[in-house]
Amino acid sequence: MTWNIPNILTIFRLIAAPGVAVMFLYFLRPYADWFALLLFTLASITDWFDGYLARLWNQQTKLGTMLDPIADKAMVMIALLVIVVYSTLSSWLILPAALIMFREVFVSGLREFLGDTAGTLKVTVLAKWKTTTQMIAIAVIFSQGLFEHYFGVAILGMDDIIIVDILDGREEDIFGLNWKLKGMIWSGYIGLGMLWIATALTLLTGFDYFRKAMPYLKDDE
């Protein structure tokens, strides 16, 4: 293996993928949410840098080319599993998460079946946008869990009347209930909306790959 910087960044992203799940096994919330968000965000940023640096420095390798999409898929799929399990939005996340996972498995199986002709399924610009949208959506949903936690801590011990009075402006908001609640609501809406956009791009690119593979899937007559 060539240990250049682009390949090291790819390996880091590959290790970070299960690391997101590990955060929730060994840390209590909100620390698990913070660590998972920071690790996932940092790993997502390296997804752009490793490809950019590999092209800039002419350090593209076969191993790096092979590992890069695997690292992306591992990051997204493991993070989706984590947020479906731990997020209070899980009932809204199950369907888009399932569709994204189905597509990734389907395309991976398609590439494996095609073998040497899998080069016909090169990563498209739209597929790169798909991955970027997936990563942003997941990061936003992780942040929703943080807003939710801190809002829950802030209202701990308050009765419903006081909470309503604070949110309506009749009482002083010394604990920042309003911005925490708005952050929780809007990060949930934005994260879920972006995840559905990512799902649409995921299915669209999956269909495009299947269409390109069709000539190689026909039986000889």
Protein backbone atom coordinates (compact mmCIF):
# COMPACT_ATOMS: atom_id res chain seq x y z
CA MET A 1 0.00 0.00 0.00
CA THR A 2 1.19 3.51 -0.84
CA TRP A 3 1.04 5.60 2.33
CA ASN A 4 0.49 9.01 0.80
CA ILE A 5 -1.70 11.68 2.41
CA PRO A 6 -4.81 11.03 0.24
CA ASN A 7 -4.73 7.32 1.11
CA ILE A 8 -4.19 8.09 4.82
CA LEU A 9 -7.24 10.37 4.77
CA THR A 10 -9.28 7.61 3.12
CA ILE A 11 -8.13 5.09 5.75
CA PHE A 12 -9.06 7.59 8.48
CA ARG A 13 -12.54 7.90 7.00
CA LEU A 14 -12.84 4.12 6.85
CA ILE A 15 -11.90 3.84 10.55
CA ALA A 16 -14.15 6.77 11.49
CA ALA A 17 -17.21 5.00 10.08
CA PRO A 18 -17.57 2.43 12.91
CA GLY A 19 -16.12 5.03 15.28
CA VAL A 20 -19.39 6.99 15.05
CA ALA A 21 -21.26 3.98 16.45
CA VAL A 22 -18.60 3.38 19.11
CA MET A 23 -19.21 6.86 20.50
CA PHE A 24 -22.71 5.81 21.56
CA LEU A 25 -21.43 2.58 23.14
CA TYR A 26 -18.83 4.16 25.43
CA PHE A 27 -20.07 7.68 26.11
CA LEU A 28 -23.23 9.10 27.64
CA ARG A 29 -25.27 11.69 25.82
CA PRO A 30 -24.72 14.53 24.96
CA TYR A 31 -21.00 13.63 24.83
CA ALA A 32 -21.74 10.77 22.44
CA ASP A 33 -23.66 13.16 20.16
CA TRP A 34 -20.85 15.73 20.25
CA PHE A 35 -18.11 13.20 19.55
CA ALA A 36 -20.13 11.49 16.80
CA LEU A 37 -20.95 14.85 15.17
CA LEU A 38 -17.34 16.05 15.28
CA LEU A 39 -15.93 12.72 14.06
CA PHE A 40 -18.49 12.42 11.27
CA THR A 41 -18.02 16.06 10.17
CA LEU A 42 -14.23 15.76 10.17
CA ALA A 43 -14.37 12.51 8.22
CA SER A 44 -16.83 14.02 5.73
CA ILE A 45 -14.46 16.94 5.10
CA THR A 46 -11.63 14.51 4.31
CA ASP A 47 -13.86 13.01 1.59
CA TRP A 48 -13.29 16.16 -0.44
CA PHE A 49 -9.63 16.65 0.48
CA ASP A 50 -8.38 13.15 -0.29
CA GLY A 51 -9.68 13.23 -3.87
CA TYR A 52 -8.57 16.82 -4.41
CA LEU A 53 -5.05 16.20 -3.09
CA ALA A 54 -4.71 12.94 -5.02
CA ARG A 55 -5.46 14.77 -8.27
CA LEU A 56 -3.37 17.83 -7.35
CA TRP A 57 -0.29 15.82 -6.41
CA ASN A 58 -0.86 13.08 -8.99
CA GLN A 59 -1.07 10.50 -6.18
CA GLN A 60 -4.09 8.54 -7.37
CA THR A 61 -3.66 4.84 -6.62
CA LYS A 62 -5.73 1.77 -7.37
CA LEU A 63 -6.13 1.05 -3.66
CA GLY A 64 -7.28 4.59 -2.93
CA THR A 65 -9.72 4.47 -5.84
CA MET A 66 -11.14 1.22 -4.47
CA LEU A 67 -11.31 2.28 -0.81
CA ASP A 68 -12.75 5.78 -1.35
CA PRO A 69 -16.34 4.73 -2.27
CA ILE A 70 -16.25 1.96 0.34
CA ALA A 71 -15.34 4.51 3.04
CA ASP A 72 -18.15 6.82 1.88
CA LYS A 73 -20.74 4.04 1.94
CA ALA A 74 -19.55 2.73 5.31
CA MET A 75 -19.74 6.20 6.85
CA VAL A 76 -23.22 6.91 5.55
CA MET A 77 -24.74 3.50 6.28
CA ILE A 78 -23.34 3.20 9.81
CA ALA A 79 -24.33 6.78 10.65
CA LEU A 80 -27.85 6.11 9.35
CA LEU A 81 -28.11 3.05 11.58
CA VAL A 82 -27.00 5.13 14.57
CA ILE A 83 -29.47 7.98 14.03
CA VAL A 84 -32.36 5.56 13.36
CA VAL A 85 -31.61 3.88 16.70
CA TYR A 86 -30.89 6.94 18.83
CA SER A 87 -32.78 9.85 17.25
CA THR A 88 -36.31 10.71 18.36
CA LEU A 89 -36.96 11.31 14.65
CA SER A 90 -36.35 7.62 13.99
CA SER A 91 -39.90 6.87 12.83
CA TRP A 92 -39.46 9.54 10.13
CA LEU A 93 -35.96 8.36 9.24
CA ILE A 94 -36.60 4.65 8.72
CA LEU A 95 -37.96 4.86 5.17
CA PRO A 96 -35.31 7.19 3.64
CA ALA A 97 -32.58 5.30 5.49
CA ALA A 98 -33.87 1.96 4.19
CA LEU A 99 -34.06 3.28 0.60
CA ILE A 100 -30.51 4.65 0.77
CA MET A 101 -29.16 1.38 2.17
CA PHE A 102 -31.05 -0.65 -0.42
CA ARG A 103 -29.57 1.39 -3.26
CA GLU A 104 -26.03 1.14 -1.90
CA VAL A 105 -26.27 -2.63 -1.53
CA PHE A 106 -27.90 -2.97 -4.97
CA VAL A 107 -25.22 -0.91 -6.76
CA SER A 108 -22.41 -2.70 -4.90
CA GLY A 109 -23.89 -6.05 -5.96
CA LEU A 110 -24.22 -4.79 -9.51
CA ARG A 111 -20.56 -3.78 -9.61
CA GLU A 112 -19.51 -7.13 -8.16
CA PHE A 113 -21.54 -9.03 -10.76
CA LEU A 114 -20.16 -6.98 -13.64
CA GLY A 115 -16.59 -7.67 -12.57
CA ASP A 116 -14.15 -6.34 -15.16
CA THR A 117 -16.89 -4.38 -16.91
CA ALA A 118 -17.79 -2.49 -13.71
CA GLY A 119 -15.82 0.44 -15.12
CA THR A 120 -18.99 1.32 -17.01
CA LEU A 121 -20.44 2.38 -13.65
CA LYS A 122 -18.02 5.21 -12.96
CA VAL A 123 -18.96 7.67 -10.22
CA THR A 124 -20.90 10.56 -11.74
CA VAL A 125 -21.06 14.19 -10.64
CA LEU A 126 -24.64 13.61 -9.49
CA ALA A 127 -23.47 10.68 -7.36
CA LYS A 128 -20.91 12.95 -5.69
CA TRP A 129 -23.67 15.46 -4.93
CA LYS A 130 -25.70 12.57 -3.55
CA THR A 131 -22.93 11.64 -1.13
CA THR A 132 -22.40 15.26 -0.09
CA THR A 133 -26.12 15.75 0.58
CA GLN A 134 -26.27 12.53 2.59
CA MET A 135 -23.36 13.62 4.78
CA ILE A 136 -24.76 17.12 5.40
CA ALA A 137 -28.19 15.70 6.25
CA ILE A 138 -26.73 13.22 8.74
CA ALA A 139 -24.59 15.91 10.40
CA VAL A 140 -27.65 18.17 10.80
CA ILE A 141 -29.66 15.30 12.32
CA PHE A 142 -26.85 14.66 14.81
CA SER A 143 -27.05 18.36 15.78
CA GLN A 144 -30.82 17.99 16.28
CA GLY A 145 -30.11 15.47 19.02
CA LEU A 146 -27.87 17.98 20.75
CA PHE A 147 -30.47 20.76 20.66
CA GLU A 148 -33.06 18.31 21.95
CA HIS A 149 -30.84 17.22 24.85
CA TYR A 150 -30.03 20.76 25.99
CA PHE A 151 -33.67 21.85 25.71
CA GLY A 152 -34.69 18.84 27.81
CA VAL A 153 -32.08 19.70 30.45
CA ALA A 154 -33.18 23.37 30.50
CA ILE A 155 -36.85 22.53 31.21
CA LEU A 156 -36.04 19.85 33.79
CA GLY A 157 -38.10 20.56 36.92
CA MET A 158 -40.21 23.29 35.29
CA ASP A 159 -43.97 22.91 35.14
CA ASP A 160 -45.78 23.26 31.82
CA ILE A 161 -47.22 26.71 32.65
CA ILE A 162 -43.79 28.23 33.26
CA ILE A 163 -42.42 26.68 30.08
CA VAL A 164 -45.31 28.11 28.03
CA ASP A 165 -44.91 31.54 29.66
CA ILE A 166 -41.18 31.59 28.86
CA LEU A 167 -41.72 30.51 25.26
CA ASP A 168 -44.49 33.10 24.83
CA GLY A 169 -42.29 35.85 26.25
CA ARG A 170 -44.23 36.44 29.46
CA GLU A 171 -41.30 35.24 31.56
CA GLU A 172 -37.59 35.95 31.16
CA ASP A 173 -35.82 33.28 29.11
CA ILE A 174 -32.66 33.01 31.21
CA PHE A 175 -31.99 29.41 30.13
CA GLY A 176 -32.30 30.04 26.40
CA LEU A 177 -35.38 27.86 25.93
CA ASN A 178 -36.46 29.65 22.76
CA TRP A 179 -33.26 29.26 20.76
CA LYS A 180 -32.81 25.69 21.95
CA LEU A 181 -36.35 24.78 20.93
CA LYS A 182 -36.04 26.56 17.58
CA GLY A 183 -32.70 24.86 16.99
CA MET A 184 -34.26 21.48 17.76
CA ILE A 185 -37.25 22.05 15.48
CA TRP A 186 -35.40 23.58 12.53
CA SER A 187 -32.47 21.18 12.58
CA GLY A 188 -35.02 18.36 12.56
CA TYR A 189 -36.91 19.81 9.59
CA ILE A 190 -33.75 20.69 7.65
CA GLY A 191 -32.04 17.37 8.38
CA LEU A 192 -35.10 15.33 7.44
CA GLY A 193 -35.73 17.43 4.31
CA MET A 194 -32.13 17.09 3.16
CA LEU A 195 -32.21 13.36 3.84
CA TRP A 196 -35.21 13.00 1.52
CA ILE A 197 -33.40 15.06 -1.14
CA ALA A 198 -30.41 12.75 -0.69
CA THR A 199 -32.76 9.76 -1.00
CA ALA A 200 -34.14 11.09 -4.29
CA LEU A 201 -30.59 11.59 -5.63
CA THR A 202 -29.64 8.15 -4.34
CA LEU A 203 -32.48 6.43 -6.18
CA LEU A 204 -31.90 8.51 -9.32
CA THR A 205 -28.20 7.63 -9.49
CA GLY A 206 -28.99 3.99 -8.67
CA PHE A 207 -31.40 3.82 -11.59
CA ASP A 208 -28.80 5.48 -13.84
CA TYR A 209 -26.22 2.82 -12.90
CA PHE A 210 -28.77 0.06 -13.53
CA ARG A 211 -29.61 1.54 -16.94
CA LYS A 212 -25.93 1.63 -17.90
CA ALA A 213 -25.49 -1.97 -16.72
CA MET A 214 -28.50 -3.34 -18.65
CA PRO A 215 -26.57 -4.22 -21.85
CA TYR A 216 -24.29 -6.47 -19.77
CA LEU A 217 -27.18 -8.18 -17.97
CA LYS A 218 -28.92 -9.57 -21.06
CA ASP A 219 -28.71 -13.30 -21.75
CA ASP A 220 -27.05 -14.40 -24.96
CA GLU A 221 -29.62 -15.32 -27.56
